[in-house]
Amino acid sequence: IVERAGQAITAIFEQHGEGYFRQLEQQTLRG
């Protein structure tokens, strides 16, 4: 997820929120 987003998980949560993180997580899990 970090590689896909280009930022640390803490930064993803801070800048985009948990909902956005969970979307990335689901897409990355499928792949």
PDB file of all heavy atoms in Angstrom:
ATOM      1  N   ILE A   1       0.841  -1.201   0.000  1.00  0.00           N
ATOM      2  CA  ILE A   1       0.000   0.000   0.000  1.00  0.00           C
ATOM      3  C   ILE A   1       0.872   1.245   0.000  1.00  0.00           C
ATOM      4  O   ILE A   1       0.612   2.205  -0.740  1.00  0.00           O
ATOM      5  CB  ILE A   1      -0.972  -0.012   1.199  1.00  0.00           C
ATOM      6  CG1 ILE A   1      -1.983  -1.146   1.043  1.00  0.00           C
ATOM      7  CG2 ILE A   1      -1.671   1.333   1.363  1.00  0.00           C
ATOM      8  CD1 ILE A   1      -2.774  -1.466   2.300  1.00  0.00           C
ATOM      9  N   VAL A   2       1.920   1.240   0.814  1.00  0.00           N
ATOM     10  CA  VAL A   2       2.852   2.376   0.875  1.00  0.00           C
ATOM     11  C   VAL A   2       3.469   2.616  -0.502  1.00  0.00           C
ATOM     12  O   VAL A   2       3.546   3.757  -0.977  1.00  0.00           O
ATOM     13  CB  VAL A   2       3.943   2.136   1.949  1.00  0.00           C
ATOM     14  CG1 VAL A   2       5.094   3.113   1.801  1.00  0.00           C
ATOM     15  CG2 VAL A   2       3.334   2.214   3.339  1.00  0.00           C
ATOM     16  N   GLU A   3       3.883   1.533  -1.141  1.00  0.00           N
ATOM     17  CA  GLU A   3       4.489   1.660  -2.477  1.00  0.00           C
ATOM     18  C   GLU A   3       3.473   2.212  -3.476  1.00  0.00           C
ATOM     19  O   GLU A   3       3.784   3.108  -4.261  1.00  0.00           O
ATOM     20  CB  GLU A   3       4.988   0.292  -2.943  1.00  0.00           C
ATOM     21  CG  GLU A   3       5.718   0.336  -4.267  1.00  0.00           C
ATOM     22  CD  GLU A   3       6.276  -1.005  -4.661  1.00  0.00           C
ATOM     23  OE1 GLU A   3       6.742  -1.763  -3.787  1.00  0.00           O
ATOM     24  OE2 GLU A   3       6.244  -1.304  -5.875  1.00  0.00           O
ATOM     25  N   ARG A   4       2.271   1.707  -3.413  1.00  0.00           N
ATOM     26  CA  ARG A   4       1.221   2.141  -4.336  1.00  0.00           C
ATOM     27  C   ARG A   4       0.854   3.612  -4.123  1.00  0.00           C
ATOM     28  O   ARG A   4       0.646   4.361  -5.079  1.00  0.00           O
ATOM     29  CB  ARG A   4      -0.001   1.255  -4.138  1.00  0.00           C
ATOM     30  CG  ARG A   4      -1.124   1.525  -5.089  1.00  0.00           C
ATOM     31  CD  ARG A   4      -2.253   0.537  -4.865  1.00  0.00           C
ATOM     32  NE  ARG A   4      -3.225   0.707  -5.913  1.00  0.00           N
ATOM     33  CZ  ARG A   4      -4.018  -0.244  -6.331  1.00  0.00           C
ATOM     34  NH1 ARG A   4      -3.960  -1.440  -5.804  1.00  0.00           N
ATOM     35  NH2 ARG A   4      -4.891  -0.010  -7.282  1.00  0.00           N
ATOM     36  N   ALA A   5       0.768   4.029  -2.859  1.00  0.00           N
ATOM     37  CA  ALA A   5       0.362   5.402  -2.538  1.00  0.00           C
ATOM     38  C   ALA A   5       1.509   6.399  -2.599  1.00  0.00           C
ATOM     39  O   ALA A   5       1.285   7.602  -2.710  1.00  0.00           O
ATOM     40  CB  ALA A   5      -0.263   5.448  -1.152  1.00  0.00           C
ATOM     41  N   GLY A   6       2.727   5.895  -2.479  1.00  0.00           N
ATOM     42  CA  GLY A   6       3.878   6.790  -2.482  1.00  0.00           C
ATOM     43  C   GLY A   6       4.037   7.571  -1.194  1.00  0.00           C
ATOM     44  O   GLY A   6       4.690   8.610  -1.169  1.00  0.00           O
ATOM     45  N   GLN A   7       3.442   7.068  -0.111  1.00  0.00           N
ATOM     46  CA  GLN A   7       3.589   7.715   1.190  1.00  0.00           C
ATOM     47  C   GLN A   7       3.336   6.712   2.303  1.00  0.00           C
ATOM     48  O   GLN A   7       2.710   5.676   2.090  1.00  0.00           O
ATOM     49  CB  GLN A   7       2.679   8.942   1.327  1.00  0.00           C
ATOM     50  CG  GLN A   7       1.220   8.670   1.193  1.00  0.00           C
ATOM     51  CD  GLN A   7       0.375   9.953   1.194  1.00  0.00           C
ATOM     52  OE1 GLN A   7      -0.761   9.900   0.775  1.00  0.00           O
ATOM     53  NE2 GLN A   7       0.870  11.067   1.649  1.00  0.00           N
ATOM     54  N   ALA A   8       3.833   7.050   3.490  1.00  0.00           N
ATOM     55  CA  ALA A   8       3.703   6.179   4.649  1.00  0.00           C
ATOM     56  C   ALA A   8       2.241   6.048   5.070  1.00  0.00           C
ATOM     57  O   ALA A   8       1.418   6.929   4.795  1.00  0.00           O
ATOM     58  CB  ALA A   8       4.516   6.733   5.814  1.00  0.00           C
ATOM     59  N   ILE A   9       1.935   4.946   5.731  1.00  0.00           N
ATOM     60  CA  ILE A   9       0.560   4.712   6.179  1.00  0.00           C
ATOM     61  C   ILE A   9       0.090   5.818   7.110  1.00  0.00           C
ATOM     62  O   ILE A   9      -1.048   6.291   6.997  1.00  0.00           O
ATOM     63  CB  ILE A   9       0.429   3.317   6.822  1.00  0.00           C
ATOM     64  CG1 ILE A   9       0.544   2.263   5.720  1.00  0.00           C
ATOM     65  CG2 ILE A   9      -0.891   3.171   7.574  1.00  0.00           C
ATOM     66  CD1 ILE A   9       0.566   0.846   6.187  1.00  0.00           C
ATOM     67  N   THR A  10       0.959   6.253   8.014  1.00  0.00           N
ATOM     68  CA  THR A  10       0.554   7.344   8.910  1.00  0.00           C
ATOM     69  C   THR A  10       0.184   8.590   8.102  1.00  0.00           C
ATOM     70  O   THR A  10      -0.780   9.275   8.434  1.00  0.00           O
ATOM     71  CB  THR A  10       1.663   7.671   9.931  1.00  0.00           C
ATOM     72  OG1 THR A  10       2.894   7.865   9.236  1.00  0.00           O
ATOM     73  CG2 THR A  10       1.830   6.567  10.955  1.00  0.00           C
ATOM     74  N   ALA A  11       0.920   8.872   7.039  1.00  0.00           N
ATOM     75  CA  ALA A  11       0.620  10.032   6.187  1.00  0.00           C
ATOM     76  C   ALA A  11      -0.691   9.828   5.430  1.00  0.00           C
ATOM     77  O   ALA A  11      -1.472  10.776   5.261  1.00  0.00           O
ATOM     78  CB  ALA A  11       1.763  10.292   5.213  1.00  0.00           C
ATOM     79  N   ILE A  12      -0.950   8.612   4.968  1.00  0.00           N
ATOM     80  CA  ILE A  12      -2.210   8.320   4.279  1.00  0.00           C
ATOM     81  C   ILE A  12      -3.381   8.591   5.217  1.00  0.00           C
ATOM     82  O   ILE A  12      -4.346   9.268   4.855  1.00  0.00           O
ATOM     83  CB  ILE A  12      -2.255   6.858   3.770  1.00  0.00           C
ATOM     84  CG1 ILE A  12      -1.169   6.610   2.716  1.00  0.00           C
ATOM     85  CG2 ILE A  12      -3.631   6.530   3.190  1.00  0.00           C
ATOM     86  CD1 ILE A  12      -0.965   5.144   2.368  1.00  0.00           C
ATOM     87  N   PHE A  13      -3.276   8.080   6.449  1.00  0.00           N
ATOM     88  CA  PHE A  13      -4.349   8.297   7.433  1.00  0.00           C
ATOM     89  C   PHE A  13      -4.517   9.791   7.718  1.00  0.00           C
ATOM     90  O   PHE A  13      -5.644  10.292   7.757  1.00  0.00           O
ATOM     91  CB  PHE A  13      -4.036   7.551   8.736  1.00  0.00           C
ATOM     92  CG  PHE A  13      -4.598   6.160   8.805  1.00  0.00           C
ATOM     93  CD1 PHE A  13      -4.018   5.120   8.093  1.00  0.00           C
ATOM     94  CD2 PHE A  13      -5.694   5.871   9.601  1.00  0.00           C
ATOM     95  CE1 PHE A  13      -4.524   3.833   8.170  1.00  0.00           C
ATOM     96  CE2 PHE A  13      -6.215   4.589   9.683  1.00  0.00           C
ATOM     97  CZ  PHE A  13      -5.626   3.567   8.959  1.00  0.00           C
ATOM     98  N   GLU A  14      -3.412  10.501   7.926  1.00  0.00           N
ATOM     99  CA  GLU A  14      -3.480  11.918   8.267  1.00  0.00           C
ATOM    100  C   GLU A  14      -4.035  12.765   7.127  1.00  0.00           C
ATOM    101  O   GLU A  14      -4.838  13.670   7.351  1.00  0.00           O
ATOM    102  CB  GLU A  14      -2.090  12.440   8.657  1.00  0.00           C
ATOM    103  CG  GLU A  14      -1.605  11.933   9.992  1.00  0.00           C
ATOM    104  CD  GLU A  14      -0.131  12.256  10.247  1.00  0.00           C
ATOM    105  OE1 GLU A  14       0.492  12.963   9.430  1.00  0.00           O
ATOM    106  OE2 GLU A  14       0.393  11.778  11.273  1.00  0.00           O
ATOM    107  N   GLN A  15      -3.600  12.496   5.908  1.00  0.00           N
ATOM    108  CA  GLN A  15      -3.967  13.352   4.771  1.00  0.00           C
ATOM    109  C   GLN A  15      -5.273  12.944   4.097  1.00  0.00           C
ATOM    110  O   GLN A  15      -5.967  13.796   3.542  1.00  0.00           O
ATOM    111  CB  GLN A  15      -2.838  13.367   3.750  1.00  0.00           C
ATOM    112  CG  GLN A  15      -1.588  14.033   4.267  1.00  0.00           C
ATOM    113  CD  GLN A  15      -0.434  13.951   3.271  1.00  0.00           C
ATOM    114  OE1 GLN A  15      -0.630  13.641   2.107  1.00  0.00           O
ATOM    115  NE2 GLN A  15       0.771  14.225   3.750  1.00  0.00           N
ATOM    116  N   HIS A  16      -5.592  11.661   4.116  1.00  0.00           N
ATOM    117  CA  HIS A  16      -6.742  11.186   3.343  1.00  0.00           C
ATOM    118  C   HIS A  16      -7.798  10.468   4.182  1.00  0.00           C
ATOM    119  O   HIS A  16      -8.899  10.242   3.690  1.00  0.00           O
ATOM    120  CB  HIS A  16      -6.273  10.240   2.231  1.00  0.00           C
ATOM    121  CG  HIS A  16      -5.234  10.821   1.342  1.00  0.00           C
ATOM    122  ND1 HIS A  16      -5.512  11.772   0.373  1.00  0.00           N
ATOM    123  CD2 HIS A  16      -3.899  10.600   1.270  1.00  0.00           C
ATOM    124  CE1 HIS A  16      -4.396  12.095  -0.255  1.00  0.00           C
ATOM    125  NE2 HIS A  16      -3.405  11.402   0.271  1.00  0.00           N
ATOM    126  N   GLY A  17      -7.447  10.051   5.391  1.00  0.00           N
ATOM    127  CA  GLY A  17      -8.388   9.366   6.263  1.00  0.00           C
ATOM    128  C   GLY A  17      -8.386   7.862   6.089  1.00  0.00           C
ATOM    129  O   GLY A  17      -7.817   7.319   5.135  1.00  0.00           O
ATOM    130  N   GLU A  18      -9.050   7.200   7.033  1.00  0.00           N
ATOM    131  CA  GLU A  18      -9.071   5.746   7.021  1.00  0.00           C
ATOM    132  C   GLU A  18      -9.855   5.189   5.835  1.00  0.00           C
ATOM    133  O   GLU A  18      -9.494   4.153   5.266  1.00  0.00           O
ATOM    134  CB  GLU A  18      -9.667   5.195   8.325  1.00  0.00           C
ATOM    135  CG  GLU A  18      -9.607   3.686   8.381  1.00  0.00           C
ATOM    136  CD  GLU A  18     -10.094   3.083   9.687  1.00  0.00           C
ATOM    137  OE1 GLU A  18     -10.477   3.837  10.607  1.00  0.00           O
ATOM    138  OE2 GLU A  18     -10.079   1.837   9.773  1.00  0.00           O
ATOM    139  N   GLY A  19     -10.918   5.868   5.414  1.00  0.00           N
ATOM    140  CA  GLY A  19     -11.720   5.388   4.282  1.00  0.00           C
ATOM    141  C   GLY A  19     -10.888   5.237   3.018  1.00  0.00           C
ATOM    142  O   GLY A  19     -10.986   4.222   2.317  1.00  0.00           O
ATOM    143  N   TYR A  20     -10.075   6.237   2.738  1.00  0.00           N
ATOM    144  CA  TYR A  20      -9.201   6.183   1.564  1.00  0.00           C
ATOM    145  C   TYR A  20      -8.190   5.054   1.709  1.00  0.00           C
ATOM    146  O   TYR A  20      -7.945   4.295   0.767  1.00  0.00           O
ATOM    147  CB  TYR A  20      -8.485   7.523   1.392  1.00  0.00           C
ATOM    148  CG  TYR A  20      -7.508   7.549   0.235  1.00  0.00           C
ATOM    149  CD1 TYR A  20      -7.958   7.691  -1.074  1.00  0.00           C
ATOM    150  CD2 TYR A  20      -6.144   7.437   0.461  1.00  0.00           C
ATOM    151  CE1 TYR A  20      -7.064   7.714  -2.130  1.00  0.00           C
ATOM    152  CE2 TYR A  20      -5.236   7.461  -0.591  1.00  0.00           C
ATOM    153  CZ  TYR A  20      -5.709   7.592  -1.882  1.00  0.00           C
ATOM    154  OH  TYR A  20      -4.818   7.622  -2.933  1.00  0.00           O
ATOM    155  N   PHE A  21      -7.623   4.918   2.917  1.00  0.00           N
ATOM    156  CA  PHE A  21      -6.667   3.844   3.162  1.00  0.00           C
ATOM    157  C   PHE A  21      -7.319   2.491   2.898  1.00  0.00           C
ATOM    158  O   PHE A  21      -6.731   1.612   2.267  1.00  0.00           O
ATOM    159  CB  PHE A  21      -6.122   3.898   4.593  1.00  0.00           C
ATOM    160  CG  PHE A  21      -5.292   2.702   4.943  1.00  0.00           C
ATOM    161  CD1 PHE A  21      -3.967   2.610   4.541  1.00  0.00           C
ATOM    162  CD2 PHE A  21      -5.837   1.639   5.656  1.00  0.00           C
ATOM    163  CE1 PHE A  21      -3.205   1.482   4.833  1.00  0.00           C
ATOM    164  CE2 PHE A  21      -5.084   0.512   5.957  1.00  0.00           C
ATOM    165  CZ  PHE A  21      -3.763   0.440   5.545  1.00  0.00           C
ATOM    166  N   ARG A  22      -8.544   2.289   3.375  1.00  0.00           N
ATOM    167  CA  ARG A  22      -9.224   1.005   3.212  1.00  0.00           C
ATOM    168  C   ARG A  22      -9.513   0.708   1.739  1.00  0.00           C
ATOM    169  O   ARG A  22      -9.482  -0.450   1.316  1.00  0.00           O
ATOM    170  CB  ARG A  22     -10.495   0.936   4.052  1.00  0.00           C
ATOM    171  CG  ARG A  22     -10.249   1.002   5.555  1.00  0.00           C
ATOM    172  CD  ARG A  22      -9.395  -0.145   6.056  1.00  0.00           C
ATOM    173  NE  ARG A  22      -9.092   0.014   7.478  1.00  0.00           N
ATOM    174  CZ  ARG A  22      -8.153  -0.651   8.119  1.00  0.00           C
ATOM    175  NH1 ARG A  22      -7.408  -1.539   7.489  1.00  0.00           N
ATOM    176  NH2 ARG A  22      -7.932  -0.439   9.390  1.00  0.00           N
ATOM    177  N   GLN A  23      -9.787   1.745   0.940  1.00  0.00           N
ATOM    178  CA  GLN A  23      -9.967   1.547  -0.498  1.00  0.00           C
ATOM    179  C   GLN A  23      -8.672   1.037  -1.132  1.00  0.00           C
ATOM    180  O   GLN A  23      -8.690   0.089  -1.924  1.00  0.00           O
ATOM    181  CB  GLN A  23     -10.397   2.838  -1.190  1.00  0.00           C
ATOM    182  CG  GLN A  23     -11.817   3.243  -0.924  1.00  0.00           C
ATOM    183  CD  GLN A  23     -12.157   4.559  -1.592  1.00  0.00           C
ATOM    184  OE1 GLN A  23     -11.292   5.409  -1.833  1.00  0.00           O
ATOM    185  NE2 GLN A  23     -13.426   4.738  -1.907  1.00  0.00           N
ATOM    186  N   LEU A  24      -7.570   1.692  -0.793  1.00  0.00           N
ATOM    187  CA  LEU A  24      -6.264   1.248  -1.292  1.00  0.00           C
ATOM    188  C   LEU A  24      -5.969  -0.177  -0.844  1.00  0.00           C
ATOM    189  O   LEU A  24      -5.456  -0.994  -1.617  1.00  0.00           O
ATOM    190  CB  LEU A  24      -5.145   2.161  -0.777  1.00  0.00           C
ATOM    191  CG  LEU A  24      -4.948   3.504  -1.432  1.00  0.00           C
ATOM    192  CD1 LEU A  24      -3.882   4.297  -0.674  1.00  0.00           C
ATOM    193  CD2 LEU A  24      -4.543   3.333  -2.878  1.00  0.00           C
ATOM    194  N   GLU A  25      -6.292  -0.457   0.394  1.00  0.00           N
ATOM    195  CA  GLU A  25      -6.045  -1.776   0.950  1.00  0.00           C
ATOM    196  C   GLU A  25      -6.802  -2.854   0.178  1.00  0.00           C
ATOM    197  O   GLU A  25      -6.243  -3.899  -0.185  1.00  0.00           O
ATOM    198  CB  GLU A  25      -6.463  -1.776   2.417  1.00  0.00           C
ATOM    199  CG  GLU A  25      -6.244  -3.077   3.141  1.00  0.00           C
ATOM    200  CD  GLU A  25      -6.708  -2.973   4.583  1.00  0.00           C
ATOM    201  OE1 GLU A  25      -7.886  -2.594   4.819  1.00  0.00           O
ATOM    202  OE2 GLU A  25      -5.905  -3.277   5.462  1.00  0.00           O
ATOM    203  N   GLN A  26      -8.075  -2.610  -0.097  1.00  0.00           N
ATOM    204  CA  GLN A  26      -8.885  -3.594  -0.811  1.00  0.00           C
ATOM    205  C   GLN A  26      -8.347  -3.821  -2.222  1.00  0.00           C
ATOM    206  O   GLN A  26      -8.221  -4.964  -2.672  1.00  0.00           O
ATOM    207  CB  GLN A  26     -10.341  -3.154  -0.863  1.00  0.00           C
ATOM    208  CG  GLN A  26     -11.236  -4.184  -1.520  1.00  0.00           C
ATOM    209  CD  GLN A  26     -12.684  -3.757  -1.540  1.00  0.00           C
ATOM    210  OE1 GLN A  26     -13.082  -2.800  -0.895  1.00  0.00           O
ATOM    211  NE2 GLN A  26     -13.486  -4.469  -2.296  1.00  0.00           N
ATOM    212  N   GLN A  27      -8.022  -2.748  -2.924  1.00  0.00           N
ATOM    213  CA  GLN A  27      -7.472  -2.875  -4.277  1.00  0.00           C
ATOM    214  C   GLN A  27      -6.147  -3.631  -4.267  1.00  0.00           C
ATOM    215  O   GLN A  27      -5.903  -4.499  -5.112  1.00  0.00           O
ATOM    216  CB  GLN A  27      -7.275  -1.486  -4.892  1.00  0.00           C
ATOM    217  CG  GLN A  27      -8.548  -0.733  -5.140  1.00  0.00           C
ATOM    218  CD  GLN A  27      -8.308   0.750  -5.389  1.00  0.00           C
ATOM    219  OE1 GLN A  27      -7.180   1.237  -5.375  1.00  0.00           O
ATOM    220  NE2 GLN A  27      -9.387   1.492  -5.625  1.00  0.00           N
ATOM    221  N   THR A  28      -5.314  -3.318  -3.285  1.00  0.00           N
ATOM    222  CA  THR A  28      -4.004  -3.956  -3.192  1.00  0.00           C
ATOM    223  C   THR A  28      -4.140  -5.422  -2.805  1.00  0.00           C
ATOM    224  O   THR A  28      -3.418  -6.281  -3.320  1.00  0.00           O
ATOM    225  CB  THR A  28      -3.114  -3.188  -2.192  1.00  0.00           C
ATOM    226  OG1 THR A  28      -3.105  -1.797  -2.561  1.00  0.00           O
ATOM    227  CG2 THR A  28      -1.690  -3.697  -2.201  1.00  0.00           C
ATOM    228  N   LEU A  29      -5.070  -5.732  -1.919  1.00  0.00           N
ATOM    229  CA  LEU A  29      -5.322  -7.115  -1.518  1.00  0.00           C
ATOM    230  C   LEU A  29      -5.730  -7.957  -2.724  1.00  0.00           C
ATOM    231  O   LEU A  29      -5.200  -9.051  -2.936  1.00  0.00           O
ATOM    232  CB  LEU A  29      -6.406  -7.174  -0.437  1.00  0.00           C
ATOM    233  CG  LEU A  29      -6.858  -8.565   0.005  1.00  0.00           C
ATOM    234  CD1 LEU A  29      -5.696  -9.355   0.614  1.00  0.00           C
ATOM    235  CD2 LEU A  29      -8.005  -8.436   1.011  1.00  0.00           C
ATOM    236  N   ARG A  30      -6.649  -7.455  -3.518  1.00  0.00           N
ATOM    237  CA  ARG A  30      -7.086  -8.188  -4.719  1.00  0.00           C
ATOM    238  C   ARG A  30      -5.891  -8.499  -5.627  1.00  0.00           C
ATOM    239  O   ARG A  30      -5.757  -9.617  -6.121  1.00  0.00           O
ATOM    240  CB  ARG A  30      -8.125  -7.394  -5.490  1.00  0.00           C
ATOM    241  CG  ARG A  30      -9.480  -7.371  -4.857  1.00  0.00           C
ATOM    242  CD  ARG A  30     -10.477  -6.651  -5.802  1.00  0.00           C
ATOM    243  NE  ARG A  30     -11.707  -6.335  -5.149  1.00  0.00           N
ATOM    244  CZ  ARG A  30     -12.713  -7.187  -4.982  1.00  0.00           C
ATOM    245  NH1 ARG A  30     -12.601  -8.410  -5.396  1.00  0.00           N
ATOM    246  NH2 ARG A  30     -13.814  -6.796  -4.376  1.00  0.00           N
ATOM    247  N   GLY A  31      -5.046  -7.513  -5.832  1.00  0.00           N
ATOM    248  CA  GLY A  31      -3.879  -7.710  -6.691  1.00  0.00           C
ATOM    249  C   GLY A  31      -2.877  -8.682  -6.097  1.00  0.00           C
ATOM    250  O   GLY A  31      -2.271  -9.488  -6.818  1.00  0.00           O
TER     251      GLY A  31
END
